[in-house]
Amino acid sequence: MSKWIRYAGLLWWLPVGSLWATEPPGRLSSGADYHKYVDPLVTVADFGIQYSDDGAADASVLFPRTDTNPYDRPRDPVIALVRLRKRSVPLLIDCLSDGRVSTAQFNGTSITKPMKLPVGYVCLDMLMAVTPDRPVSDPDCWADGLGACMNEGFYFRPDDYSSCWKETCYPRPWVIVVQKKWRHAFLAKRLRFRNPYDGMRIPEYEEFATPRK
């Protein structure tokens, strides 16, 4: 037996009783805040990075770079979310299933073609950076590559989407499972915000660090 489930403006035909038939998590943030802080991520012209399957795990919209500047300025919508501090976490969790296509680029694999990524993956990138500790990841891990050191259930790949069109991608059910895991950790007060620019001795990022009292 199956049924239609509406989520993020889309209809999903899912088998009842399966892992995928679970209703998606409720919203943690207000609609007004979501439109104010997440919607601008969709309109960023260039995030300054590309995600690569065999690339470094530290490739992030928080640390863009160019051929001439390894410490390029993060884009304003990215900084606006970081400056919210712990208020950014529920917004980023709500964003994980957002299938609107951004300009962030994934270089693809031998199976997956290069693609522009949904804003949901950009939010996952930021979320991992601002909560970099247990239960999300292993702080003692030294692995590299996409999803390196992430604990089970807190990560999905940039190509975990299907039927991408010009403006929208459909997240596969695993994306919703990961979003639920993040949501449960947040509601259980197990996530701790950390400003990724704090403690960095790089002049280009000093203005983004938490102001000292």
Protein backbone atom coordinates (compact mmCIF):
# COMPACT_ATOMS: atom_id res chain seq x y z
CA MET A 1 0.00 0.00 0.00
CA SER A 2 1.29 3.48 -0.85
CA LYS A 3 0.13 7.03 -0.45
CA TRP A 4 0.92 10.54 -1.63
CA ILE A 5 2.89 12.74 0.78
CA ARG A 6 3.19 16.45 0.13
CA TYR A 7 6.47 18.02 1.23
CA ALA A 8 8.27 21.23 0.21
CA GLY A 9 5.59 21.88 -2.39
CA LEU A 10 6.11 18.44 -4.01
CA LEU A 11 4.04 15.24 -4.02
CA TRP A 12 5.89 12.05 -3.04
CA TRP A 13 4.44 8.59 -3.83
CA LEU A 14 5.77 6.44 -0.99
CA PRO A 15 5.01 2.98 0.40
CA VAL A 16 3.22 3.13 3.74
CA GLY A 17 5.11 1.44 6.54
CA SER A 18 8.52 1.87 4.95
CA LEU A 19 11.34 4.01 6.26
CA TRP A 20 10.56 6.57 3.58
CA ALA A 21 6.88 6.93 4.44
CA THR A 22 7.59 8.77 7.66
CA GLU A 23 6.24 12.28 7.59
CA PRO A 24 9.00 14.92 7.15
CA PRO A 25 10.03 16.92 10.19
CA GLY A 26 8.21 20.08 11.22
CA ARG A 27 9.66 23.52 10.77
CA LEU A 28 12.01 24.80 13.47
CA SER A 29 12.24 28.39 12.27
CA SER A 30 9.70 31.03 11.35
CA GLY A 31 8.71 31.53 7.74
CA ALA A 32 9.73 35.18 7.93
CA ASP A 33 13.25 34.34 9.13
CA TYR A 34 13.56 31.62 6.50
CA HIS A 35 12.73 34.02 3.69
CA LYS A 36 15.02 36.67 5.15
CA TYR A 37 18.10 34.52 5.68
CA VAL A 38 17.84 31.41 3.50
CA ASP A 39 16.23 32.77 0.33
CA PRO A 40 19.27 35.02 -0.41
CA LEU A 41 21.46 31.90 -0.68
CA VAL A 42 19.52 30.95 -3.81
CA THR A 43 20.45 34.22 -5.51
CA VAL A 44 24.22 34.22 -4.80
CA ALA A 45 25.94 34.62 -8.17
CA ASP A 46 29.09 32.70 -7.25
CA PHE A 47 29.94 31.03 -3.92
CA GLY A 48 33.63 30.94 -4.78
CA ILE A 49 34.09 27.18 -4.34
CA GLN A 50 33.29 23.90 -6.08
CA TYR A 51 32.58 20.60 -4.36
CA SER A 52 34.58 17.63 -5.62
CA ASP A 53 34.17 13.97 -4.73
CA ASP A 54 37.91 13.49 -4.30
CA GLY A 55 38.59 16.98 -3.00
CA ALA A 56 39.48 18.27 0.44
CA ALA A 57 36.83 18.00 3.12
CA ASP A 58 37.32 21.65 4.01
CA ALA A 59 35.90 22.98 0.72
CA SER A 60 33.15 25.25 1.98
CA VAL A 61 31.14 28.34 1.11
CA LEU A 62 32.49 29.70 4.40
CA PHE A 63 35.99 29.81 2.93
CA PRO A 64 35.79 30.76 -0.76
CA ARG A 65 38.92 31.21 -2.81
CA THR A 66 40.12 32.40 -6.19
CA ASP A 67 43.25 31.64 -8.20
CA THR A 68 44.88 34.75 -6.76
CA ASN A 69 43.26 34.89 -3.31
CA PRO A 70 43.03 31.77 -1.10
CA TYR A 71 41.06 33.78 1.49
CA ASP A 72 38.29 35.36 -0.53
CA ARG A 73 35.43 37.12 1.25
CA PRO A 74 32.44 34.88 2.06
CA ARG A 75 29.27 36.00 0.36
CA ASP A 76 26.98 38.29 2.34
CA PRO A 77 24.10 35.78 2.81
CA VAL A 78 26.59 33.27 4.23
CA ILE A 79 27.96 35.81 6.70
CA ALA A 80 24.44 36.94 7.66
CA LEU A 81 23.64 33.39 8.80
CA VAL A 82 26.90 32.99 10.74
CA ARG A 83 26.24 36.28 12.53
CA LEU A 84 22.95 34.86 13.81
CA ARG A 85 25.08 32.46 15.88
CA LYS A 86 22.94 29.71 17.42
CA ARG A 87 19.82 31.14 15.77
CA SER A 88 21.25 29.99 12.46
CA VAL A 89 21.07 26.30 13.38
CA PRO A 90 17.27 25.78 13.10
CA LEU A 91 17.23 27.75 9.86
CA LEU A 92 19.96 25.59 8.35
CA ILE A 93 18.21 22.40 9.47
CA ASP A 94 14.94 23.54 7.89
CA CYS A 95 16.89 24.28 4.71
CA LEU A 96 18.33 20.77 4.26
CA SER A 97 15.41 19.57 2.13
CA ASP A 98 15.18 22.80 0.10
CA GLY A 99 15.47 21.68 -3.51
CA ARG A 100 15.80 25.11 -5.13
CA VAL A 101 18.85 25.12 -7.37
CA SER A 102 21.71 27.43 -6.40
CA THR A 103 24.90 28.33 -8.27
CA ALA A 104 27.04 26.02 -6.09
CA GLN A 105 28.68 23.44 -8.31
CA PHE A 106 29.46 19.74 -7.80
CA ASN A 107 32.08 18.39 -10.21
CA GLY A 108 30.43 14.99 -10.45
CA THR A 109 31.83 11.46 -10.45
CA SER A 110 32.35 8.67 -12.97
CA ILE A 111 28.62 8.01 -12.61
CA THR A 112 27.13 11.41 -11.72
CA LYS A 113 27.37 14.32 -14.13
CA PRO A 114 28.48 17.76 -12.91
CA MET A 115 25.52 19.64 -11.51
CA LYS A 116 24.41 22.82 -9.84
CA LEU A 117 23.41 21.99 -6.31
CA PRO A 118 20.21 22.65 -4.41
CA VAL A 119 20.51 25.20 -1.64
CA GLY A 120 19.89 22.35 0.80
CA TYR A 121 23.43 21.08 0.28
CA VAL A 122 24.85 24.57 0.80
CA CYS A 123 23.01 24.65 4.12
CA LEU A 124 24.43 21.24 5.05
CA ASP A 125 27.91 22.58 4.30
CA MET A 126 27.35 25.50 6.69
CA LEU A 127 25.59 23.39 9.32
CA MET A 128 28.52 20.98 9.54
CA ALA A 129 30.90 23.91 9.98
CA VAL A 130 28.98 25.61 12.80
CA THR A 131 28.34 22.41 14.80
CA PRO A 132 31.70 20.62 14.39
CA ASP A 133 31.61 18.14 17.25
CA ARG A 134 29.76 15.14 18.62
CA PRO A 135 27.15 13.91 17.95
CA VAL A 136 27.51 15.30 14.42
CA SER A 137 31.12 14.35 13.70
CA ASP A 138 34.22 12.78 15.20
CA PRO A 139 36.63 15.55 16.26
CA ASP A 140 39.52 13.06 16.42
CA CYS A 141 39.08 11.88 12.82
CA TRP A 142 41.71 12.78 10.21
CA ALA A 143 39.98 11.48 7.09
CA ASP A 144 39.45 13.69 4.04
CA GLY A 145 36.95 14.03 1.22
CA LEU A 146 33.22 14.69 1.06
CA GLY A 147 31.47 13.74 4.27
CA ALA A 148 34.72 12.80 5.98
CA CYS A 149 34.40 12.27 9.75
CA MET A 150 30.63 12.78 9.74
CA ASN A 151 28.72 10.42 12.01
CA GLU A 152 26.02 8.13 10.68
CA GLY A 153 22.80 9.85 9.68
CA PHE A 154 24.13 13.42 9.64
CA TYR A 155 25.34 13.61 6.04
CA PHE A 156 24.01 13.27 2.52
CA ARG A 157 26.00 13.58 -0.69
CA PRO A 158 25.69 16.50 -3.11
CA ASP A 159 24.26 14.11 -5.70
CA ASP A 160 21.57 12.68 -3.39
CA TYR A 161 18.92 14.27 -5.58
CA SER A 162 16.97 13.08 -8.58
CA SER A 163 15.05 14.67 -11.44
CA CYS A 164 16.83 18.01 -11.34
CA TRP A 165 15.21 20.63 -13.50
CA LYS A 166 16.28 24.18 -14.26
CA GLU A 167 15.23 25.60 -10.89
CA THR A 168 14.40 22.62 -8.66
CA CYS A 169 15.82 19.24 -7.61
CA TYR A 170 13.85 16.51 -5.89
CA PRO A 171 15.67 15.35 -2.75
CA ARG A 172 15.87 11.58 -2.44
CA PRO A 173 14.30 10.15 0.74
CA TRP A 174 17.71 9.85 2.44
CA VAL A 175 17.90 13.65 2.55
CA ILE A 176 14.71 13.71 4.63
CA VAL A 177 16.09 11.01 6.94
CA VAL A 178 19.22 13.10 7.54
CA GLN A 179 17.13 16.20 8.16
CA LYS A 180 15.12 14.32 10.80
CA LYS A 181 18.36 13.23 12.51
CA TRP A 182 19.55 16.84 12.71
CA ARG A 183 16.16 17.97 13.96
CA HIS A 184 16.08 15.38 16.73
CA ALA A 185 19.59 16.35 17.85
CA PHE A 186 18.58 20.02 17.92
CA LEU A 187 15.41 19.42 19.92
CA ALA A 188 17.39 17.26 22.35
CA LYS A 189 19.78 20.24 22.81
CA ARG A 190 22.74 18.20 21.62
CA LEU A 191 24.01 20.70 19.04
CA ARG A 192 26.44 23.42 20.08
CA PHE A 193 27.08 26.41 17.81
CA ARG A 194 30.67 27.41 17.12
CA ASN A 195 31.66 30.35 14.96
CA PRO A 196 33.98 28.79 12.33
CA TYR A 197 35.99 32.03 12.13
CA ASP A 198 36.85 32.14 15.83
CA GLY A 199 40.45 31.28 16.59
CA MET A 200 41.60 31.66 12.98
CA ARG A 201 44.71 33.82 12.71
CA ILE A 202 43.88 35.01 9.20
CA PRO A 203 43.41 38.78 8.78
CA GLU A 204 40.83 38.34 6.00
CA TYR A 205 38.44 36.59 8.42
CA GLU A 206 38.94 38.65 11.57
CA GLU A 207 35.86 40.80 10.96
CA PHE A 208 33.64 37.67 10.99
CA ALA A 209 34.87 36.38 14.33
CA THR A 210 32.69 36.71 17.42
CA PRO A 211 33.27 40.15 18.99
CA ARG A 212 35.15 39.99 22.26
CA LYS A 213 33.31 41.30 25.30
